[in-house]
Each structure stands twice: as structure tokens, then as C-alpha cells.
N, C-alpha and C. Protein backbone atom coordinates (compact mmCIF):
# COMPACT_ATOMS: atom_id res chain seq x y z
N UNK A 1 0.56 -0.83 -0.07
CA UNK A 1 0.25 -0.09 0.46
C UNK A 1 0.95 0.98 -0.02
N UNK A 2 0.72 2.53 -0.54
CA UNK A 2 1.03 3.41 -0.57
C UNK A 2 0.48 4.08 0.40
N UNK A 3 1.80 5.40 0.89
CA UNK A 3 1.37 5.96 1.94
C UNK A 3 0.99 7.26 2.10
N UNK A 4 0.36 8.20 2.63
CA UNK A 4 -0.09 9.46 2.20
C UNK A 4 0.76 9.97 1.57
N UNK A 5 1.71 10.16 1.92
CA UNK A 5 3.12 11.11 1.47
C UNK A 5 3.24 10.86 -0.56
N UNK A 6 2.92 9.21 -0.63
CA UNK A 6 2.90 9.08 -1.69
C UNK A 6 2.06 9.27 -2.89
N UNK A 7 0.85 8.96 -1.97
CA UNK A 7 -0.64 9.88 -2.77
C UNK A 7 -0.33 11.10 -3.20
N UNK A 8 -0.28 12.00 -1.80
CA UNK A 8 0.16 13.26 -2.29
C UNK A 8 0.76 13.79 -3.24
N UNK A 9 1.67 12.99 -3.09
CA UNK A 9 3.26 13.38 -4.23
C UNK A 9 2.52 13.79 -5.76
N UNK A 10 1.91 11.79 -6.44
CA UNK A 10 1.87 11.76 -6.97
C UNK A 10 0.30 12.66 -7.49
N UNK A 11 -0.48 13.23 -6.87
CA UNK A 11 -1.98 13.97 -6.87
C UNK A 11 -1.31 15.05 -7.22
N UNK A 12 0.18 16.07 -6.68
CA UNK A 12 0.73 17.10 -7.07
C UNK A 12 1.22 17.20 -8.07
N UNK A 13 2.27 16.16 -8.58
CA UNK A 13 2.37 15.52 -9.72
C UNK A 13 1.65 15.98 -11.36
N UNK A 14 -0.01 15.16 -10.78
CA UNK A 14 -0.97 15.41 -12.02
C UNK A 14 -1.02 16.58 -12.07
N UNK A 15 -1.43 17.92 -11.18
CA UNK A 15 -1.76 18.52 -11.10
C UNK A 15 -0.43 19.71 -11.47
N UNK A 16 0.15 19.55 -11.51
CA UNK A 16 1.59 20.36 -11.93
C UNK A 16 1.56 19.48 -13.11
N UNK A 17 1.14 18.91 -13.85
CA UNK A 17 0.96 18.37 -15.11
C UNK A 17 0.06 18.92 -16.05
N UNK A 18 -1.26 18.96 -15.33
CA UNK A 18 -1.87 19.57 -16.18
C UNK A 18 -1.94 20.97 -15.97
N UNK A 19 -1.73 21.79 -15.25
CA UNK A 19 -1.19 23.24 -15.12
C UNK A 19 -0.20 23.67 -16.33
N UNK A 20 1.29 22.74 -15.87
CA UNK A 20 1.85 23.41 -17.02
C UNK A 20 2.05 23.08 -18.66
N UNK A 21 0.36 21.61 -19.29
CA UNK A 21 -0.01 21.39 -20.25
C UNK A 21 -1.50 22.77 -20.80
N UNK A 22 -2.07 23.42 -19.73
CA UNK A 22 -3.02 24.43 -19.68
C UNK A 22 -1.88 25.72 -20.48
N UNK A 23 -0.90 26.32 -19.38
CA UNK A 23 -0.27 26.89 -19.87
C UNK A 23 0.57 26.94 -21.51
N UNK A 24 0.84 25.76 -21.69
CA UNK A 24 1.23 25.83 -23.40
C UNK A 24 0.28 25.69 -24.42
N UNK A 25 -0.54 25.46 -23.87
CA UNK A 25 -1.52 25.54 -24.76
C UNK A 25 -2.41 26.75 -25.12
N UNK A 26 -1.85 27.60 -23.77
CA UNK A 26 -2.43 28.89 -23.96
C UNK A 26 -1.37 29.98 -24.68
N UNK A 27 0.04 29.47 -24.12
CA UNK A 27 1.30 29.96 -25.16
C UNK A 27 1.08 29.79 -26.60
N UNK A 28 0.71 28.73 -26.84
CA UNK A 28 0.78 27.86 -28.52
C UNK A 28 -0.11 28.91 -29.35
N UNK A 29 -1.57 29.05 -28.48
CA UNK A 29 -2.85 29.83 -29.00
C UNK A 29 -2.53 30.94 -29.11
N UNK A 30 -1.95 32.31 -28.47
CA UNK A 30 -1.65 33.44 -28.41
C UNK A 30 -0.49 33.42 -29.29
N UNK A 31 0.42 32.82 -29.58
CA UNK A 31 1.27 32.72 -30.62
C UNK A 31 1.19 32.24 -32.04
N UNK A 32 0.25 31.04 -32.24
CA UNK A 32 0.14 31.16 -33.46
C UNK A 32 -0.98 31.88 -34.07
N UNK A 33 -1.95 31.94 -33.11
CA UNK A 33 -2.74 33.22 -33.20
C UNK A 33 -2.62 34.04 -34.14
N UNK A 34 -1.97 34.68 -33.47
CA UNK A 34 -1.18 35.95 -33.84
C UNK A 34 -1.03 36.03 -34.93
N UNK A 35 0.38 35.06 -35.37
CA UNK A 35 0.58 35.24 -36.50
C UNK A 35 -0.78 34.32 -37.91
N UNK A 36 -1.26 33.94 -37.66
CA UNK A 36 -2.65 33.59 -38.34
C UNK A 36 -3.30 35.23 -39.11
N UNK A 37 -3.42 35.47 -37.40
CA UNK A 37 -4.45 37.03 -37.80
C UNK A 37 -3.64 38.08 -38.43
N UNK A 38 -1.85 38.25 -38.58
CA UNK A 38 -2.04 39.14 -39.30
C UNK A 38 -1.59 38.44 -40.80
N UNK A 39 -0.88 37.08 -40.85
CA UNK A 39 -0.87 36.70 -42.45
C UNK A 39 -2.27 36.91 -43.12
N UNK A 40 -3.21 36.71 -42.13
CA UNK A 40 -5.16 36.40 -42.87
C UNK A 40 -5.23 37.94 -43.37
N UNK A 41 -4.94 38.94 -42.16
CA UNK A 41 -5.28 40.24 -42.43
C UNK A 41 -4.58 41.00 -43.77
N UNK A 42 -3.39 40.24 -44.45
CA UNK A 42 -2.59 41.01 -45.12
C UNK A 42 -3.65 40.26 -46.48
N UNK A 43 -4.11 39.32 -46.46
CA UNK A 43 -4.41 38.92 -47.76
C UNK A 43 -5.62 39.55 -48.32
N UNK A 44 -6.56 40.02 -47.39
CA UNK A 44 -7.67 40.71 -47.41
C UNK A 44 -7.89 41.76 -48.07
N UNK A 45 -8.24 41.85 -49.51
CA UNK A 45 -8.50 43.26 -50.19
C UNK A 45 -9.38 43.95 -49.63
N UNK A 46 -9.64 45.46 -49.71
CA UNK A 46 -10.55 46.05 -48.84
C UNK A 46 -11.27 46.75 -50.24
N UNK A 47 -12.66 47.01 -50.24
CA UNK A 47 -13.03 47.25 -50.96
C UNK A 47 -13.62 49.29 -51.10
N UNK A 48 -13.10 49.82 -51.98
CA UNK A 48 -13.63 51.13 -52.06
C UNK A 48 -14.04 51.58 -53.29
N UNK A 49 -14.36 52.75 -53.14
CA UNK A 49 -15.41 53.65 -54.09
C UNK A 49 -14.58 54.42 -53.98
N UNK A 50 -14.81 55.33 -55.98
CA UNK A 50 -13.93 56.56 -56.49
C UNK A 50 -14.73 57.28 -57.20
N UNK A 51 -14.70 58.76 -57.28
CA UNK A 51 -15.67 59.24 -58.30
C UNK A 51 -14.49 59.47 -59.36
N UNK A 52 -14.82 58.87 -60.49
CA UNK A 52 -13.89 59.61 -61.82
C UNK A 52 -15.06 60.31 -62.66
N UNK A 53 -14.12 61.57 -63.68
CA UNK A 53 -14.89 62.22 -64.32
C UNK A 53 -14.38 61.14 -65.75
N UNK A 54 -15.56 60.88 -66.42
CA UNK A 54 -15.83 60.73 -68.06
C UNK A 54 -14.88 61.46 -69.28
N UNK A 55 -14.33 61.23 -69.55
CA UNK A 55 -13.15 61.41 -70.82
C UNK A 55 -14.46 61.58 -72.37
N UNK A 56 -13.94 62.49 -73.23
CA UNK A 56 -14.45 62.04 -74.38
C UNK A 56 -13.93 60.66 -75.10
N UNK A 57 -14.47 60.03 -75.25
CA UNK A 57 -14.46 58.76 -75.86
C UNK A 57 -14.50 57.18 -74.63
N UNK A 58 -14.99 57.85 -73.56
CA UNK A 58 -14.87 56.58 -72.42
C UNK A 58 -16.15 55.96 -72.92
N UNK A 59 -15.79 54.58 -72.60
CA UNK A 59 -16.72 53.66 -72.37
C UNK A 59 -16.70 53.09 -71.02
N UNK A 60 -17.95 51.89 -70.77
CA UNK A 60 -17.68 51.55 -69.56
C UNK A 60 -16.56 50.26 -69.20
N UNK A 61 -16.85 50.21 -70.51
CA UNK A 61 -15.38 48.90 -71.01
C UNK A 61 -14.07 49.21 -70.63
N UNK A 62 -13.64 50.34 -71.02
CA UNK A 62 -12.63 51.15 -70.85
C UNK A 62 -12.17 51.32 -69.34
N UNK A 63 -13.31 51.60 -68.40
CA UNK A 63 -13.19 51.61 -67.34
C UNK A 63 -12.87 50.45 -66.92
N UNK A 64 -13.84 49.66 -67.22
CA UNK A 64 -13.44 48.33 -66.53
C UNK A 64 -11.99 47.46 -66.85
N UNK A 65 -11.90 48.22 -67.79
CA UNK A 65 -10.11 47.58 -67.98
C UNK A 65 -8.80 48.54 -67.09
N UNK A 66 -9.62 49.15 -66.51
CA UNK A 66 -8.52 50.07 -65.94
C UNK A 66 -8.93 49.91 -64.24
N UNK A 67 -10.14 49.67 -63.77
CA UNK A 67 -10.47 48.69 -62.08
C UNK A 67 -10.87 48.28 -61.94
N UNK A 68 -11.69 46.83 -63.10
CA UNK A 68 -11.70 45.53 -62.60
C UNK A 68 -10.70 45.12 -62.16
N UNK A 69 -10.56 44.08 -61.20
CA UNK A 69 -9.99 43.62 -60.65
C UNK A 69 -10.32 41.42 -60.03
N UNK A 70 -9.56 40.65 -60.31
CA UNK A 70 -10.11 39.32 -59.82
C UNK A 70 -10.68 39.06 -58.78
N UNK A 71 -11.40 40.10 -57.98
CA UNK A 71 -12.69 39.52 -56.96
C UNK A 71 -13.25 39.69 -58.21
N UNK A 72 -13.75 40.09 -59.15
CA UNK A 72 -15.02 40.02 -60.11
C UNK A 72 -14.75 38.94 -60.63
N UNK A 73 -15.88 38.24 -61.08
CA UNK A 73 -15.81 36.69 -61.69
C UNK A 73 -15.72 37.38 -63.69
N UNK A 74 -16.31 38.33 -63.98
CA UNK A 74 -16.21 38.71 -65.00
C UNK A 74 -16.42 39.99 -65.41
N UNK A 75 -16.00 40.93 -66.51
CA UNK A 75 -16.02 42.04 -66.58
C UNK A 75 -17.33 42.65 -66.58
N UNK A 76 -18.08 41.77 -67.00
CA UNK A 76 -19.89 42.12 -67.31
C UNK A 76 -20.39 42.29 -65.82
N UNK A 77 -19.76 41.44 -64.88
CA UNK A 77 -20.24 41.81 -63.89
C UNK A 77 -19.68 42.61 -62.96
N UNK A 78 -18.30 43.41 -63.62
CA UNK A 78 -17.93 44.86 -63.00
C UNK A 78 -18.80 45.77 -63.48
N UNK A 79 -19.12 45.69 -64.46
CA UNK A 79 -19.72 46.72 -65.20
C UNK A 79 -21.63 47.22 -65.09
N UNK A 80 -22.03 45.73 -64.62
CA UNK A 80 -23.45 45.52 -63.93
C UNK A 80 -23.40 46.61 -62.72
N UNK A 81 -21.90 46.27 -61.73
CA UNK A 81 -22.15 46.98 -60.43
C UNK A 81 -22.31 48.74 -60.77
N UNK A 82 -20.94 49.09 -61.45
CA UNK A 82 -20.92 50.24 -62.31
C UNK A 82 -22.19 50.81 -62.03
N UNK A 83 -23.21 50.13 -63.30
CA UNK A 83 -24.15 50.62 -63.52
C UNK A 83 -25.29 50.73 -62.24
N UNK A 84 -25.30 49.59 -60.92
CA UNK A 84 -25.81 49.58 -60.53
C UNK A 84 -25.66 50.94 -59.21
N UNK A 85 -24.86 50.85 -59.09
CA UNK A 85 -24.99 52.31 -58.00
C UNK A 85 -24.43 53.69 -58.76
N UNK A 86 -24.66 53.82 -59.90
CA UNK A 86 -24.98 55.17 -60.73
C UNK A 86 -26.32 54.87 -61.29
N UNK A 87 -26.43 54.19 -60.66
CA UNK A 87 -28.57 53.56 -61.18
C UNK A 87 -28.32 54.46 -62.58
N UNK A 88 -27.46 53.44 -63.73
CA UNK A 88 -27.70 53.59 -64.93
C UNK A 88 -28.14 51.84 -65.84
N UNK A 89 -29.08 52.28 -66.61
CA UNK A 89 -29.20 50.86 -67.50
C UNK A 89 -28.58 50.23 -68.20
N UNK A 90 -28.84 49.22 -68.84
CA UNK A 90 -27.71 48.80 -69.78
C UNK A 90 -27.10 49.32 -70.81
N UNK A 91 -28.70 50.14 -71.05
CA UNK A 91 -28.42 50.57 -72.52
C UNK A 91 -27.84 52.56 -72.39
N UNK A 92 -27.90 52.77 -71.18
CA UNK A 92 -27.44 53.97 -71.13
C UNK A 92 -25.76 54.57 -71.42
N UNK A 93 -25.77 55.43 -71.56
CA UNK A 93 -24.86 56.12 -72.26
C UNK A 93 -23.81 56.74 -71.36
N UNK A 94 -22.72 57.33 -71.22
CA UNK A 94 -22.20 58.05 -70.57
C UNK A 94 -21.70 58.84 -71.22
N UNK A 95 -21.20 60.18 -70.38
CA UNK A 95 -20.89 60.91 -71.47
C UNK A 95 -19.87 62.36 -70.60
N UNK A 96 -18.81 62.52 -71.61
CA UNK A 96 -18.02 63.46 -71.50
C UNK A 96 -18.39 64.82 -70.72
N UNK A 97 -17.15 64.73 -69.58
CA UNK A 97 -17.53 65.46 -67.82
C UNK A 97 -18.42 65.12 -67.15
N UNK A 98 -19.07 64.01 -67.20
CA UNK A 98 -19.87 63.51 -66.30
C UNK A 98 -19.31 62.53 -64.95
N UNK A 99 -19.28 62.49 -63.77
CA UNK A 99 -18.78 61.66 -63.05
C UNK A 99 -19.91 60.35 -62.49
N UNK A 100 -18.94 59.63 -62.35
CA UNK A 100 -19.29 57.90 -61.98
C UNK A 100 -18.87 57.73 -60.46
N UNK A 101 -19.42 56.71 -59.44
CA UNK A 101 -18.91 55.86 -58.93
C UNK A 101 -18.45 54.74 -59.65
N UNK A 102 -16.99 54.23 -58.88
CA UNK A 102 -16.67 53.24 -59.62
C UNK A 102 -15.93 52.36 -58.22
N UNK A 103 -16.51 51.01 -58.24
CA UNK A 103 -15.36 50.02 -56.88
C UNK A 103 -13.83 49.83 -57.71
N UNK A 104 -13.28 49.26 -56.21
CA UNK A 104 -12.07 48.41 -56.68
C UNK A 104 -11.34 48.54 -55.61
N UNK A 105 -10.30 47.37 -55.57
CA UNK A 105 -10.05 46.84 -54.50
C UNK A 105 -8.50 47.29 -54.26
N UNK A 106 -7.88 46.77 -52.85
CA UNK A 106 -6.84 47.43 -52.78
C UNK A 106 -6.51 46.98 -51.52
N UNK A 107 -5.16 46.20 -51.03
CA UNK A 107 -4.71 45.71 -50.11
C UNK A 107 -4.26 46.66 -49.17
N UNK A 108 -4.30 47.81 -49.22
CA UNK A 108 -3.91 48.87 -48.17
C UNK A 108 -5.08 49.16 -47.57
N UNK A 109 -5.45 49.25 -46.44
CA UNK A 109 -6.17 49.80 -45.45
C UNK A 109 -6.22 51.22 -45.04
N UNK A 110 -7.17 51.23 -46.12
CA UNK A 110 -7.11 53.29 -45.70
C UNK A 110 -7.96 53.80 -44.54
N UNK A 111 -7.64 55.01 -43.79
CA UNK A 111 -8.73 55.24 -42.58
C UNK A 111 -9.15 56.64 -43.06
């Protein structure tokens, strides 16, 4: 039979292992969680809008060539969004001197 001293010693050791394991898990979570968070935030593009002035000869396709990015499935999807933002129907023409809002994506976070 084990003595009370041996039983208390083994219980103390078990408590020590549990506390040490919990501390290790906490440290790993903080270290690896912050690495994952900083890496993920660098990959996220932010969506912005800017107003542009239409120049003579500009078309929505020309604007899409300049501002459309891989976040859009197709150039047509991008042009549809421009039309929606500016309340243009698909048959509406844009005119020199007119201002329209266009969306764009950037990795830079602007405040």
C-alpha cells in the first residue's frame, strides 16, 4: 500500500502536469493565433469607391479595363455593379464631363 505522502506527491505531480499543459496550450494559442491573424489580414483586399470624371471617348469597358480586378468573376459583373451604383440601365451611355462612382479593391487599409 502507498503511504499518504506518496499519494499526495503523485496528485501534486498530476496537478503540475495539468497546469503546465494548460499553460503550454495558452502560449501556443496566443503565438500561433497572432501569426495567423496577421497573415490573414494581409491577404484581405478592401473594397473602396472613387469618383471619376468621364473623358471624351470613354466607355464602361474602358473603365472596367482600368479598375476591374480579380475579385470580380467577369468584366460584365463589374460593369453591372457600376451601372447599379450609378443608377444606369444597361443601355445608358456615359458622357464626357459626367462623374460616376466606380468600385475598386486595394490591399492597403485606408482610414
